[in-house]
Amino acid sequence: MNPTASGRWVALIGAVLLGCGKSNDTAAIDTDALIDAAIVGEGTRCAKSSECPGNVCYYEYCTSLRDAGLTWMEHELAATLRPYAGEHWARIAEKALATVDLQDPFTVDRVAGFFGALGDSRAVPLLRPWLESPSERVRVRTQLALLRLGAGIEFADALLVHSSRAVALDATDAVFALPESPDRARLLAIAARSEDLAERLRDRAPAPSI
């Protein structure tokens, strides 16, 4: 990154964080700039995640969705942008999709994971074509995203018994977050039969009221 570009990103991050530190009455966050930085921003140096627009600092550099390589990053970036999705969905979707290279399954499954974690059902029609991907990785991650959005219940049984325990654990989280229903209860019962998934459910259960 050249010094001029780096300076612009540092100034942008500073402005975003300054706005976040103000009261709700005086906050003046440049939402478009925040979205752009969280999704396609260049990595600026950081000491902690709170210094980054997307709240992800990894190996001393801010990480945007374009460069995210771990599931927790997708979820953290989605959590950061979730409050703005209602009003700024079009920009978030446009910027996220612009990071996709259909020849690179890792870019597709990254955005699928982000959309699922974002929790906005307007992503469903954007995700469905990826169910036909030749990449099993993309298909599974898309199924998980749809399940999180309440539009993929038909995939849940297979995901809960998937050979990858990471997939099964993600599916358990997605099912647990679904609204109460007979299907949810049935799927949770399936998860409870597996020791590691049952432990995941216990971890997710609310603490008993005193």
N, C-alpha and C. Protein backbone atom coordinates (compact mmCIF):
# COMPACT_ATOMS: atom_id res chain seq x y z
N MET A 1 0.85 -1.18 0.00
CA MET A 1 0.00 0.00 0.00
C MET A 1 0.89 1.23 0.00
N ASN A 2 0.59 2.25 -0.85
CA ASN A 2 1.41 3.45 -0.87
C ASN A 2 1.08 4.33 0.31
N PRO A 3 2.00 5.24 0.71
CA PRO A 3 1.79 6.06 1.91
C PRO A 3 0.55 6.91 1.84
N THR A 4 0.21 7.41 0.64
CA THR A 4 -0.98 8.25 0.52
C THR A 4 -2.24 7.46 0.81
N ALA A 5 -2.33 6.26 0.20
CA ALA A 5 -3.51 5.41 0.44
C ALA A 5 -3.59 5.01 1.90
N SER A 6 -2.43 4.66 2.48
CA SER A 6 -2.41 4.28 3.89
C SER A 6 -2.91 5.42 4.76
N GLY A 7 -2.48 6.63 4.43
CA GLY A 7 -2.92 7.78 5.22
C GLY A 7 -4.41 7.99 5.14
N ARG A 8 -4.98 7.76 3.96
CA ARG A 8 -6.43 7.93 3.82
C ARG A 8 -7.18 6.95 4.68
N TRP A 9 -6.71 5.67 4.70
CA TRP A 9 -7.40 4.66 5.51
C TRP A 9 -7.26 4.93 6.99
N VAL A 10 -6.08 5.40 7.41
CA VAL A 10 -5.90 5.74 8.82
C VAL A 10 -6.84 6.87 9.22
N ALA A 11 -6.96 7.88 8.35
CA ALA A 11 -7.86 8.99 8.64
C ALA A 11 -9.31 8.52 8.71
N LEU A 12 -9.69 7.61 7.79
CA LEU A 12 -11.05 7.08 7.78
C LEU A 12 -11.34 6.31 9.05
N ILE A 13 -10.42 5.43 9.44
CA ILE A 13 -10.63 4.64 10.65
C ILE A 13 -10.75 5.55 11.87
N GLY A 14 -9.91 6.57 11.91
CA GLY A 14 -9.98 7.50 13.03
C GLY A 14 -11.31 8.21 13.09
N ALA A 15 -11.83 8.61 11.93
CA ALA A 15 -13.12 9.30 11.90
C ALA A 15 -14.25 8.39 12.34
N VAL A 16 -14.20 7.13 11.88
CA VAL A 16 -15.24 6.17 12.26
C VAL A 16 -15.23 5.92 13.75
N LEU A 17 -14.02 5.68 14.28
CA LEU A 17 -13.91 5.39 15.71
C LEU A 17 -14.26 6.60 16.56
N LEU A 18 -13.94 7.79 16.10
CA LEU A 18 -14.31 8.99 16.83
C LEU A 18 -15.81 9.11 16.91
N GLY A 19 -16.49 8.81 15.78
CA GLY A 19 -17.94 8.86 15.78
C GLY A 19 -18.53 7.83 16.71
N CYS A 20 -17.92 6.63 16.75
CA CYS A 20 -18.43 5.57 17.62
C CYS A 20 -18.29 5.94 19.08
N GLY A 21 -17.32 6.78 19.42
CA GLY A 21 -17.10 7.13 20.81
C GLY A 21 -18.02 8.21 21.31
N LYS A 22 -18.79 8.84 20.43
CA LYS A 22 -19.68 9.91 20.84
C LYS A 22 -21.01 9.34 21.31
N SER A 23 -21.82 10.19 21.93
CA SER A 23 -23.16 9.77 22.33
C SER A 23 -24.01 9.59 21.09
N ASN A 24 -25.14 8.90 21.25
CA ASN A 24 -26.02 8.67 20.12
C ASN A 24 -26.53 9.96 19.51
N ASP A 25 -26.65 11.00 20.34
CA ASP A 25 -27.17 12.27 19.87
C ASP A 25 -26.18 13.01 19.00
N THR A 26 -24.89 12.77 19.20
CA THR A 26 -23.89 13.55 18.49
C THR A 26 -23.06 12.72 17.52
N ALA A 27 -23.27 11.40 17.51
CA ALA A 27 -22.48 10.55 16.63
C ALA A 27 -22.71 10.94 15.18
N ALA A 28 -21.62 10.99 14.42
CA ALA A 28 -21.71 11.36 13.00
C ALA A 28 -20.89 10.36 12.21
N ILE A 29 -21.29 9.12 12.23
CA ILE A 29 -20.54 8.07 11.55
C ILE A 29 -20.82 8.15 10.05
N ASP A 30 -19.78 8.10 9.27
CA ASP A 30 -19.93 8.00 7.82
C ASP A 30 -20.19 6.52 7.52
N THR A 31 -21.46 6.17 7.44
CA THR A 31 -21.84 4.76 7.33
C THR A 31 -21.30 4.12 6.06
N ASP A 32 -21.36 4.84 4.94
CA ASP A 32 -20.84 4.28 3.70
C ASP A 32 -19.36 3.97 3.81
N ALA A 33 -18.62 4.88 4.45
CA ALA A 33 -17.18 4.66 4.62
C ALA A 33 -16.92 3.48 5.54
N LEU A 34 -17.73 3.34 6.59
CA LEU A 34 -17.57 2.21 7.50
C LEU A 34 -17.82 0.90 6.78
N ILE A 35 -18.89 0.84 5.99
CA ILE A 35 -19.21 -0.38 5.24
C ILE A 35 -18.08 -0.73 4.28
N ASP A 36 -17.61 0.28 3.56
CA ASP A 36 -16.54 0.03 2.59
C ASP A 36 -15.28 -0.47 3.29
N ALA A 37 -14.93 0.14 4.41
CA ALA A 37 -13.71 -0.26 5.12
C ALA A 37 -13.83 -1.66 5.69
N ALA A 38 -15.01 -2.01 6.22
CA ALA A 38 -15.20 -3.33 6.82
C ALA A 38 -15.22 -4.44 5.78
N ILE A 39 -15.65 -4.12 4.56
CA ILE A 39 -15.80 -5.16 3.55
C ILE A 39 -14.60 -5.22 2.59
N VAL A 40 -14.14 -4.07 2.14
CA VAL A 40 -13.06 -4.08 1.13
C VAL A 40 -11.87 -3.23 1.55
N GLY A 41 -11.80 -2.85 2.81
CA GLY A 41 -10.71 -1.99 3.26
C GLY A 41 -9.34 -2.65 3.18
N GLU A 42 -8.33 -1.82 2.95
CA GLU A 42 -6.95 -2.30 2.96
C GLU A 42 -6.49 -2.40 4.41
N GLY A 43 -5.64 -3.37 4.69
CA GLY A 43 -5.22 -3.63 6.06
C GLY A 43 -4.31 -2.55 6.62
N THR A 44 -4.78 -1.83 7.62
CA THR A 44 -3.94 -0.86 8.32
C THR A 44 -3.45 -1.49 9.62
N ARG A 45 -2.36 -0.99 10.15
CA ARG A 45 -1.79 -1.54 11.37
C ARG A 45 -2.73 -1.31 12.54
N CYS A 46 -2.75 -2.27 13.46
CA CYS A 46 -3.62 -2.16 14.63
C CYS A 46 -2.97 -2.89 15.79
N ALA A 47 -3.38 -2.48 16.98
CA ALA A 47 -2.92 -3.18 18.19
C ALA A 47 -4.04 -4.00 18.80
N LYS A 48 -5.29 -3.63 18.50
CA LYS A 48 -6.44 -4.36 19.02
C LYS A 48 -7.61 -4.17 18.07
N SER A 49 -8.57 -5.07 18.16
CA SER A 49 -9.67 -5.08 17.20
C SER A 49 -10.51 -3.81 17.24
N SER A 50 -10.63 -3.20 18.40
CA SER A 50 -11.45 -1.99 18.50
C SER A 50 -10.90 -0.83 17.68
N GLU A 51 -9.68 -0.95 17.20
CA GLU A 51 -9.09 0.09 16.35
C GLU A 51 -9.48 -0.08 14.89
N CYS A 52 -10.17 -1.17 14.56
CA CYS A 52 -10.48 -1.48 13.16
C CYS A 52 -11.97 -1.25 12.87
N PRO A 53 -12.30 -0.78 11.67
CA PRO A 53 -13.71 -0.56 11.31
C PRO A 53 -14.57 -1.80 11.47
N GLY A 54 -14.02 -2.96 11.09
CA GLY A 54 -14.79 -4.20 11.18
C GLY A 54 -14.60 -4.94 12.48
N ASN A 55 -13.84 -4.36 13.41
CA ASN A 55 -13.58 -4.95 14.72
C ASN A 55 -12.81 -6.26 14.63
N VAL A 56 -11.94 -6.37 13.62
CA VAL A 56 -11.09 -7.55 13.47
C VAL A 56 -9.65 -7.10 13.26
N CYS A 57 -8.83 -7.32 14.26
CA CYS A 57 -7.38 -7.08 14.16
C CYS A 57 -6.70 -8.44 14.22
N TYR A 58 -5.93 -8.77 13.21
CA TYR A 58 -5.32 -10.10 13.14
C TYR A 58 -3.86 -9.94 12.72
N TYR A 59 -2.97 -10.44 13.56
CA TYR A 59 -1.54 -10.28 13.32
C TYR A 59 -1.18 -8.82 13.05
N GLU A 60 -1.78 -7.94 13.87
CA GLU A 60 -1.47 -6.50 13.88
C GLU A 60 -1.93 -5.75 12.64
N TYR A 61 -2.87 -6.33 11.90
CA TYR A 61 -3.45 -5.63 10.76
C TYR A 61 -4.98 -5.78 10.79
N CYS A 62 -5.67 -4.68 10.47
CA CYS A 62 -7.12 -4.74 10.36
C CYS A 62 -7.49 -5.63 9.18
N THR A 63 -8.47 -6.49 9.39
CA THR A 63 -8.89 -7.43 8.35
C THR A 63 -10.30 -7.10 7.90
N SER A 64 -10.48 -6.96 6.60
CA SER A 64 -11.81 -6.73 6.03
C SER A 64 -12.35 -8.06 5.51
N LEU A 65 -13.61 -8.06 5.09
CA LEU A 65 -14.22 -9.29 4.57
C LEU A 65 -13.44 -9.82 3.38
N ARG A 66 -12.94 -8.95 2.55
CA ARG A 66 -12.19 -9.37 1.36
C ARG A 66 -11.01 -10.27 1.72
N ASP A 67 -10.42 -10.06 2.90
CA ASP A 67 -9.23 -10.81 3.29
C ASP A 67 -9.48 -11.77 4.45
N ALA A 68 -10.71 -11.86 4.91
CA ALA A 68 -11.02 -12.73 6.06
C ALA A 68 -10.75 -14.19 5.69
N GLY A 69 -10.07 -14.89 6.58
CA GLY A 69 -9.75 -16.28 6.31
C GLY A 69 -10.27 -17.25 7.34
N LEU A 70 -11.01 -16.74 8.34
CA LEU A 70 -11.51 -17.59 9.41
C LEU A 70 -12.99 -17.25 9.66
N THR A 71 -13.74 -18.27 10.05
CA THR A 71 -15.18 -18.08 10.24
C THR A 71 -15.49 -17.01 11.27
N TRP A 72 -14.72 -16.96 12.37
CA TRP A 72 -15.02 -15.97 13.40
C TRP A 72 -14.89 -14.55 12.87
N MET A 73 -14.03 -14.35 11.87
CA MET A 73 -13.89 -13.03 11.28
C MET A 73 -15.16 -12.64 10.52
N GLU A 74 -15.70 -13.58 9.75
CA GLU A 74 -16.95 -13.32 9.04
C GLU A 74 -18.04 -12.92 10.02
N HIS A 75 -18.12 -13.63 11.13
CA HIS A 75 -19.16 -13.37 12.12
C HIS A 75 -18.96 -12.02 12.81
N GLU A 76 -17.71 -11.69 13.09
CA GLU A 76 -17.44 -10.40 13.75
C GLU A 76 -17.73 -9.24 12.80
N LEU A 77 -17.34 -9.37 11.55
CA LEU A 77 -17.62 -8.33 10.56
C LEU A 77 -19.13 -8.18 10.37
N ALA A 78 -19.84 -9.30 10.34
CA ALA A 78 -21.30 -9.25 10.20
C ALA A 78 -21.94 -8.57 11.41
N ALA A 79 -21.44 -8.89 12.60
CA ALA A 79 -21.98 -8.27 13.81
C ALA A 79 -21.76 -6.76 13.80
N THR A 80 -20.61 -6.32 13.28
CA THR A 80 -20.32 -4.89 13.21
C THR A 80 -21.27 -4.17 12.26
N LEU A 81 -21.60 -4.80 11.15
CA LEU A 81 -22.42 -4.15 10.12
C LEU A 81 -23.91 -4.40 10.30
N ARG A 82 -24.28 -5.35 11.16
CA ARG A 82 -25.69 -5.70 11.33
C ARG A 82 -26.58 -4.49 11.67
N PRO A 83 -26.13 -3.59 12.55
CA PRO A 83 -27.00 -2.45 12.88
C PRO A 83 -27.31 -1.55 11.69
N TYR A 84 -26.51 -1.64 10.64
CA TYR A 84 -26.69 -0.76 9.48
C TYR A 84 -27.37 -1.46 8.31
N ALA A 85 -27.59 -2.78 8.44
CA ALA A 85 -28.09 -3.56 7.31
C ALA A 85 -29.49 -3.13 6.88
N GLY A 86 -30.33 -2.79 7.83
CA GLY A 86 -31.70 -2.43 7.48
C GLY A 86 -31.77 -1.30 6.48
N GLU A 87 -31.00 -0.26 6.72
CA GLU A 87 -31.05 0.94 5.88
C GLU A 87 -30.04 0.90 4.75
N HIS A 88 -28.97 0.12 4.92
CA HIS A 88 -27.88 0.15 3.95
C HIS A 88 -27.62 -1.21 3.32
N TRP A 89 -28.66 -2.02 3.23
CA TRP A 89 -28.50 -3.38 2.70
C TRP A 89 -27.90 -3.37 1.30
N ALA A 90 -28.37 -2.50 0.43
CA ALA A 90 -27.93 -2.52 -0.96
C ALA A 90 -26.42 -2.33 -1.06
N ARG A 91 -25.88 -1.41 -0.28
CA ARG A 91 -24.43 -1.17 -0.34
C ARG A 91 -23.65 -2.34 0.25
N ILE A 92 -24.14 -2.88 1.37
CA ILE A 92 -23.46 -4.02 1.98
C ILE A 92 -23.42 -5.21 1.02
N ALA A 93 -24.56 -5.51 0.40
CA ALA A 93 -24.63 -6.64 -0.53
C ALA A 93 -23.74 -6.41 -1.74
N GLU A 94 -23.80 -5.20 -2.29
CA GLU A 94 -22.99 -4.89 -3.47
C GLU A 94 -21.50 -5.04 -3.18
N LYS A 95 -21.06 -4.48 -2.06
CA LYS A 95 -19.64 -4.54 -1.72
C LYS A 95 -19.20 -5.97 -1.42
N ALA A 96 -20.04 -6.73 -0.72
CA ALA A 96 -19.70 -8.11 -0.39
C ALA A 96 -19.60 -8.96 -1.65
N LEU A 97 -20.56 -8.83 -2.54
CA LEU A 97 -20.56 -9.63 -3.77
C LEU A 97 -19.38 -9.26 -4.67
N ALA A 98 -18.93 -8.02 -4.58
CA ALA A 98 -17.79 -7.59 -5.40
C ALA A 98 -16.50 -8.29 -5.00
N THR A 99 -16.46 -8.88 -3.80
CA THR A 99 -15.26 -9.60 -3.37
C THR A 99 -15.25 -11.05 -3.86
N VAL A 100 -16.32 -11.47 -4.51
CA VAL A 100 -16.46 -12.87 -4.93
C VAL A 100 -15.81 -13.10 -6.30
N ASP A 101 -15.02 -14.14 -6.37
CA ASP A 101 -14.50 -14.66 -7.63
C ASP A 101 -15.06 -16.07 -7.76
N LEU A 102 -15.96 -16.28 -8.69
CA LEU A 102 -16.64 -17.57 -8.81
C LEU A 102 -15.67 -18.71 -9.12
N GLN A 103 -14.47 -18.38 -9.57
CA GLN A 103 -13.47 -19.41 -9.83
C GLN A 103 -12.70 -19.77 -8.56
N ASP A 104 -12.92 -19.02 -7.49
CA ASP A 104 -12.23 -19.25 -6.23
C ASP A 104 -13.26 -19.54 -5.14
N PRO A 105 -13.46 -20.83 -4.81
CA PRO A 105 -14.51 -21.18 -3.85
C PRO A 105 -14.33 -20.53 -2.48
N PHE A 106 -13.11 -20.21 -2.11
CA PHE A 106 -12.90 -19.61 -0.79
C PHE A 106 -13.54 -18.22 -0.71
N THR A 107 -13.53 -17.48 -1.81
CA THR A 107 -14.17 -16.16 -1.79
C THR A 107 -15.68 -16.29 -1.73
N VAL A 108 -16.22 -17.33 -2.34
CA VAL A 108 -17.67 -17.52 -2.33
C VAL A 108 -18.14 -17.97 -0.95
N ASP A 109 -17.47 -18.95 -0.37
CA ASP A 109 -17.94 -19.45 0.93
C ASP A 109 -17.74 -18.40 2.02
N ARG A 110 -16.73 -17.52 1.86
CA ARG A 110 -16.52 -16.43 2.82
C ARG A 110 -17.73 -15.50 2.84
N VAL A 111 -18.21 -15.14 1.66
CA VAL A 111 -19.35 -14.22 1.58
C VAL A 111 -20.63 -14.94 2.01
N ALA A 112 -20.76 -16.22 1.68
CA ALA A 112 -21.92 -16.98 2.15
C ALA A 112 -21.96 -16.97 3.67
N GLY A 113 -20.82 -17.22 4.31
CA GLY A 113 -20.76 -17.21 5.77
C GLY A 113 -21.11 -15.84 6.34
N PHE A 114 -20.62 -14.80 5.70
CA PHE A 114 -20.91 -13.42 6.13
C PHE A 114 -22.41 -13.13 6.04
N PHE A 115 -23.03 -13.48 4.90
CA PHE A 115 -24.46 -13.23 4.74
C PHE A 115 -25.27 -14.00 5.78
N GLY A 116 -24.89 -15.25 6.03
CA GLY A 116 -25.61 -16.02 7.03
C GLY A 116 -25.51 -15.39 8.40
N ALA A 117 -24.32 -14.93 8.77
CA ALA A 117 -24.12 -14.31 10.07
C ALA A 117 -24.79 -12.95 10.16
N LEU A 118 -24.89 -12.24 9.04
CA LEU A 118 -25.52 -10.92 9.03
C LEU A 118 -26.99 -11.03 9.42
N GLY A 119 -27.62 -12.13 9.01
CA GLY A 119 -28.98 -12.39 9.47
C GLY A 119 -30.08 -11.66 8.73
N ASP A 120 -29.79 -11.17 7.54
CA ASP A 120 -30.80 -10.44 6.76
C ASP A 120 -31.35 -11.35 5.67
N SER A 121 -32.64 -11.59 5.69
CA SER A 121 -33.24 -12.55 4.76
C SER A 121 -33.17 -12.10 3.31
N ARG A 122 -32.84 -10.84 3.07
CA ARG A 122 -32.70 -10.38 1.69
C ARG A 122 -31.51 -11.04 1.00
N ALA A 123 -30.67 -11.70 1.77
CA ALA A 123 -29.54 -12.42 1.17
C ALA A 123 -29.96 -13.75 0.56
N VAL A 124 -31.14 -14.25 0.91
CA VAL A 124 -31.53 -15.60 0.48
C VAL A 124 -31.48 -15.76 -1.04
N PRO A 125 -32.09 -14.87 -1.83
CA PRO A 125 -32.02 -15.07 -3.29
C PRO A 125 -30.61 -14.92 -3.86
N LEU A 126 -29.74 -14.22 -3.15
CA LEU A 126 -28.35 -14.10 -3.60
C LEU A 126 -27.59 -15.39 -3.33
N LEU A 127 -27.96 -16.10 -2.28
CA LEU A 127 -27.27 -17.32 -1.90
C LEU A 127 -27.71 -18.54 -2.70
N ARG A 128 -28.97 -18.62 -3.04
CA ARG A 128 -29.51 -19.86 -3.62
C ARG A 128 -28.75 -20.36 -4.85
N PRO A 129 -28.32 -19.49 -5.77
CA PRO A 129 -27.57 -20.02 -6.92
C PRO A 129 -26.31 -20.78 -6.53
N TRP A 130 -25.73 -20.47 -5.39
CA TRP A 130 -24.49 -21.13 -4.98
C TRP A 130 -24.74 -22.55 -4.50
N LEU A 131 -25.99 -22.93 -4.33
CA LEU A 131 -26.30 -24.32 -4.00
C LEU A 131 -25.93 -25.26 -5.15
N GLU A 132 -25.79 -24.70 -6.34
CA GLU A 132 -25.45 -25.49 -7.52
C GLU A 132 -23.96 -25.45 -7.83
N SER A 133 -23.17 -24.90 -6.93
CA SER A 133 -21.73 -24.79 -7.16
C SER A 133 -21.10 -26.17 -7.30
N PRO A 134 -20.10 -26.30 -8.17
CA PRO A 134 -19.37 -27.59 -8.25
C PRO A 134 -18.52 -27.85 -7.02
N SER A 135 -18.32 -26.83 -6.20
CA SER A 135 -17.51 -26.99 -5.00
C SER A 135 -18.37 -27.43 -3.82
N GLU A 136 -18.04 -28.57 -3.23
CA GLU A 136 -18.80 -29.03 -2.06
C GLU A 136 -18.68 -28.02 -0.92
N ARG A 137 -17.51 -27.42 -0.78
CA ARG A 137 -17.29 -26.42 0.27
C ARG A 137 -18.30 -25.28 0.14
N VAL A 138 -18.47 -24.79 -1.07
CA VAL A 138 -19.41 -23.68 -1.30
C VAL A 138 -20.84 -24.13 -1.03
N ARG A 139 -21.19 -25.32 -1.49
CA ARG A 139 -22.57 -25.80 -1.29
C ARG A 139 -22.88 -25.93 0.20
N VAL A 140 -21.96 -26.50 0.96
CA VAL A 140 -22.20 -26.70 2.39
C VAL A 140 -22.28 -25.37 3.12
N ARG A 141 -21.36 -24.47 2.82
CA ARG A 141 -21.38 -23.17 3.48
C ARG A 141 -22.63 -22.37 3.12
N THR A 142 -23.11 -22.56 1.90
CA THR A 142 -24.35 -21.90 1.49
C THR A 142 -25.54 -22.49 2.23
N GLN A 143 -25.55 -23.81 2.37
CA GLN A 143 -26.62 -24.46 3.14
C GLN A 143 -26.63 -23.95 4.58
N LEU A 144 -25.46 -23.84 5.17
CA LEU A 144 -25.37 -23.33 6.54
C LEU A 144 -25.90 -21.90 6.63
N ALA A 145 -25.53 -21.08 5.65
CA ALA A 145 -25.99 -19.69 5.65
C ALA A 145 -27.51 -19.63 5.53
N LEU A 146 -28.06 -20.41 4.64
CA LEU A 146 -29.52 -20.43 4.47
C LEU A 146 -30.21 -20.93 5.74
N LEU A 147 -29.61 -21.92 6.39
CA LEU A 147 -30.18 -22.43 7.64
C LEU A 147 -30.19 -21.32 8.69
N ARG A 148 -29.12 -20.56 8.78
CA ARG A 148 -29.08 -19.45 9.74
C ARG A 148 -30.15 -18.42 9.44
N LEU A 149 -30.49 -18.28 8.17
CA LEU A 149 -31.49 -17.29 7.75
C LEU A 149 -32.90 -17.86 7.80
N GLY A 150 -33.04 -19.10 8.28
CA GLY A 150 -34.36 -19.70 8.39
C GLY A 150 -34.93 -20.17 7.07
N ALA A 151 -34.06 -20.30 6.05
CA ALA A 151 -34.54 -20.68 4.72
C ALA A 151 -33.89 -21.97 4.23
N GLY A 152 -33.29 -22.73 5.15
CA GLY A 152 -32.60 -23.94 4.74
C GLY A 152 -32.85 -25.11 5.66
N ILE A 153 -34.05 -25.18 6.21
CA ILE A 153 -34.35 -26.24 7.16
C ILE A 153 -34.20 -27.63 6.53
N GLU A 154 -34.38 -27.70 5.20
CA GLU A 154 -34.28 -29.00 4.53
C GLU A 154 -32.85 -29.54 4.52
N PHE A 155 -31.89 -28.68 4.79
CA PHE A 155 -30.48 -29.13 4.80
C PHE A 155 -30.01 -29.53 6.19
N ALA A 156 -30.79 -29.23 7.21
CA ALA A 156 -30.31 -29.35 8.59
C ALA A 156 -29.96 -30.78 8.97
N ASP A 157 -30.77 -31.76 8.60
CA ASP A 157 -30.50 -33.15 9.01
C ASP A 157 -29.11 -33.58 8.55
N ALA A 158 -28.80 -33.34 7.27
CA ALA A 158 -27.51 -33.76 6.73
C ALA A 158 -26.36 -32.97 7.35
N LEU A 159 -26.58 -31.69 7.61
CA LEU A 159 -25.52 -30.87 8.19
C LEU A 159 -25.19 -31.30 9.61
N LEU A 160 -26.19 -31.72 10.36
CA LEU A 160 -25.97 -32.12 11.75
C LEU A 160 -25.17 -33.41 11.88
N VAL A 161 -25.17 -34.22 10.83
CA VAL A 161 -24.40 -35.48 10.86
C VAL A 161 -23.25 -35.44 9.84
N HIS A 162 -22.88 -34.24 9.44
CA HIS A 162 -21.80 -34.08 8.46
C HIS A 162 -20.49 -34.66 9.01
N SER A 163 -19.66 -35.18 8.13
CA SER A 163 -18.40 -35.77 8.57
C SER A 163 -17.45 -34.72 9.16
N SER A 164 -17.61 -33.48 8.77
CA SER A 164 -16.82 -32.40 9.38
C SER A 164 -17.51 -31.95 10.65
N ARG A 165 -16.81 -32.08 11.77
CA ARG A 165 -17.43 -31.67 13.04
C ARG A 165 -17.62 -30.16 13.08
N ALA A 166 -16.77 -29.41 12.38
CA ALA A 166 -16.94 -27.95 12.34
C ALA A 166 -18.28 -27.60 11.69
N VAL A 167 -18.61 -28.33 10.62
CA VAL A 167 -19.89 -28.10 9.95
C VAL A 167 -21.05 -28.47 10.88
N ALA A 168 -20.94 -29.63 11.53
CA ALA A 168 -22.01 -30.07 12.43
C ALA A 168 -22.19 -29.09 13.59
N LEU A 169 -21.10 -28.56 14.11
CA LEU A 169 -21.19 -27.60 15.21
C LEU A 169 -21.83 -26.29 14.72
N ASP A 170 -21.46 -25.84 13.54
CA ASP A 170 -22.08 -24.64 12.98
C ASP A 170 -23.58 -24.86 12.76
N ALA A 171 -23.92 -26.05 12.27
CA ALA A 171 -25.33 -26.36 12.05
C ALA A 171 -26.10 -26.37 13.36
N THR A 172 -25.48 -26.87 14.41
CA THR A 172 -26.11 -26.87 15.73
C THR A 172 -26.39 -25.45 16.20
N ASP A 173 -25.42 -24.57 16.01
CA ASP A 173 -25.62 -23.16 16.37
C ASP A 173 -26.78 -22.56 15.57
N ALA A 174 -26.81 -22.87 14.27
CA ALA A 174 -27.85 -22.31 13.41
C ALA A 174 -29.23 -22.81 13.82
N VAL A 175 -29.33 -24.10 14.11
CA VAL A 175 -30.63 -24.66 14.53
C VAL A 175 -31.06 -24.07 15.86
N PHE A 176 -30.12 -23.94 16.78
CA PHE A 176 -30.44 -23.41 18.10
C PHE A 176 -31.02 -22.00 18.01
N ALA A 177 -30.55 -21.23 17.01
CA ALA A 177 -30.99 -19.85 16.86
C ALA A 177 -32.34 -19.72 16.15
N LEU A 178 -32.86 -20.82 15.61
CA LEU A 178 -34.15 -20.77 14.91
C LEU A 178 -35.30 -20.53 15.90
N PRO A 179 -36.40 -19.97 15.42
CA PRO A 179 -37.58 -19.81 16.29
C PRO A 179 -38.11 -21.17 16.73
N GLU A 180 -38.77 -21.19 17.86
CA GLU A 180 -39.38 -22.43 18.36
C GLU A 180 -40.33 -23.01 17.32
N SER A 181 -40.20 -24.32 17.09
CA SER A 181 -41.07 -25.01 16.14
C SER A 181 -40.86 -26.50 16.32
N PRO A 182 -41.78 -27.33 15.81
CA PRO A 182 -41.57 -28.78 15.88
C PRO A 182 -40.29 -29.22 15.16
N ASP A 183 -39.99 -28.59 14.01
CA ASP A 183 -38.77 -28.93 13.28
C ASP A 183 -37.53 -28.62 14.11
N ARG A 184 -37.53 -27.47 14.78
CA ARG A 184 -36.38 -27.10 15.60
C ARG A 184 -36.20 -28.11 16.73
N ALA A 185 -37.29 -28.48 17.39
CA ALA A 185 -37.22 -29.43 18.48
C ALA A 185 -36.69 -30.78 17.99
N ARG A 186 -37.14 -31.21 16.82
CA ARG A 186 -36.69 -32.49 16.27
C ARG A 186 -35.19 -32.44 15.96
N LEU A 187 -34.74 -31.34 15.39
CA LEU A 187 -33.34 -31.21 15.02
C LEU A 187 -32.43 -31.10 16.25
N LEU A 188 -32.91 -30.42 17.26
CA LEU A 188 -32.12 -30.34 18.49
C LEU A 188 -31.99 -31.71 19.15
N ALA A 189 -33.04 -32.51 19.02
CA ALA A 189 -32.98 -33.87 19.55
C ALA A 189 -31.93 -34.70 18.80
N ILE A 190 -31.81 -34.48 17.49
CA ILE A 190 -30.77 -35.17 16.71
C ILE A 190 -29.39 -34.74 17.20
N ALA A 191 -29.22 -33.43 17.38
CA ALA A 191 -27.92 -32.93 17.84
C ALA A 191 -27.57 -33.49 19.21
N ALA A 192 -28.57 -33.63 20.06
CA ALA A 192 -28.32 -34.08 21.44
C ALA A 192 -27.81 -35.51 21.50
N ARG A 193 -27.96 -36.28 20.43
CA ARG A 193 -27.48 -37.66 20.42
C ARG A 193 -25.97 -37.75 20.30
N SER A 194 -25.35 -36.67 19.82
CA SER A 194 -23.90 -36.65 19.66
C SER A 194 -23.28 -35.91 20.83
N GLU A 195 -22.26 -36.49 21.43
CA GLU A 195 -21.71 -35.93 22.66
C GLU A 195 -21.20 -34.50 22.47
N ASP A 196 -20.44 -34.26 21.37
CA ASP A 196 -19.88 -32.92 21.20
C ASP A 196 -20.96 -31.90 20.85
N LEU A 197 -21.97 -32.32 20.08
CA LEU A 197 -23.05 -31.40 19.75
C LEU A 197 -23.93 -31.13 20.97
N ALA A 198 -24.12 -32.16 21.79
CA ALA A 198 -24.89 -31.97 23.02
C ALA A 198 -24.19 -30.98 23.94
N GLU A 199 -22.86 -31.07 23.98
CA GLU A 199 -22.10 -30.12 24.79
C GLU A 199 -22.26 -28.70 24.25
N ARG A 200 -22.30 -28.58 22.92
CA ARG A 200 -22.51 -27.28 22.29
C ARG A 200 -23.86 -26.72 22.70
N LEU A 201 -24.87 -27.55 22.71
CA LEU A 201 -26.21 -27.11 23.11
C LEU A 201 -26.22 -26.64 24.57
N ARG A 202 -25.53 -27.39 25.42
CA ARG A 202 -25.48 -26.99 26.82
C ARG A 202 -24.80 -25.62 26.98
N ASP A 203 -23.76 -25.41 26.18
CA ASP A 203 -23.05 -24.12 26.21
C ASP A 203 -23.95 -22.98 25.75
N ARG A 204 -24.84 -23.27 24.80
CA ARG A 204 -25.70 -22.22 24.23
C ARG A 204 -26.95 -21.98 25.07
N ALA A 205 -27.30 -22.94 25.94
CA ALA A 205 -28.54 -22.81 26.71
C ALA A 205 -28.45 -21.63 27.67
N PRO A 206 -29.53 -20.88 27.83
CA PRO A 206 -29.51 -19.76 28.78
C PRO A 206 -29.35 -20.24 30.22
N ALA A 207 -28.70 -19.46 31.01
CA ALA A 207 -28.51 -19.81 32.42
C ALA A 207 -29.86 -19.84 33.12
N PRO A 208 -30.08 -20.81 34.00
CA PRO A 208 -31.38 -20.87 34.70
C PRO A 208 -31.58 -19.65 35.57
N SER A 209 -32.82 -19.16 35.57
CA SER A 209 -33.12 -18.00 36.40
C SER A 209 -33.17 -18.41 37.86
N ILE A 210 -32.78 -17.52 38.72
CA ILE A 210 -32.74 -17.82 40.16
C ILE A 210 -34.01 -17.29 40.82
